[in-house]
């Protein structure tokens, strides 16, 4: 149980860090700073994948297959949002 807790904490912390790096990259006005955030973001994403895979392998992260109707519903919703955004331009 302690392993699961630690891995959940690692995953959560990594998500927070990744979010910070993403916003740092987006808000950067300097190319060197943007490149630094980009490298950190990519490294953080690799770490996230490693943590996720370790949790999945240990049985701590259960993944269910998505229902086909929910996939279609999400695609329709996304397409609608994109179409709406294009109309507002």
Foldseek 3Di string as FASTA:
>chain_A
DVVLVVLVVVLVVLVVVLVVLVVQLVPDPDPVSNVVSVVVNVVSVVVNVVSVVVCVVVVSDDDDDDDPVVVVVVVVVVVVVVVVVVVVD
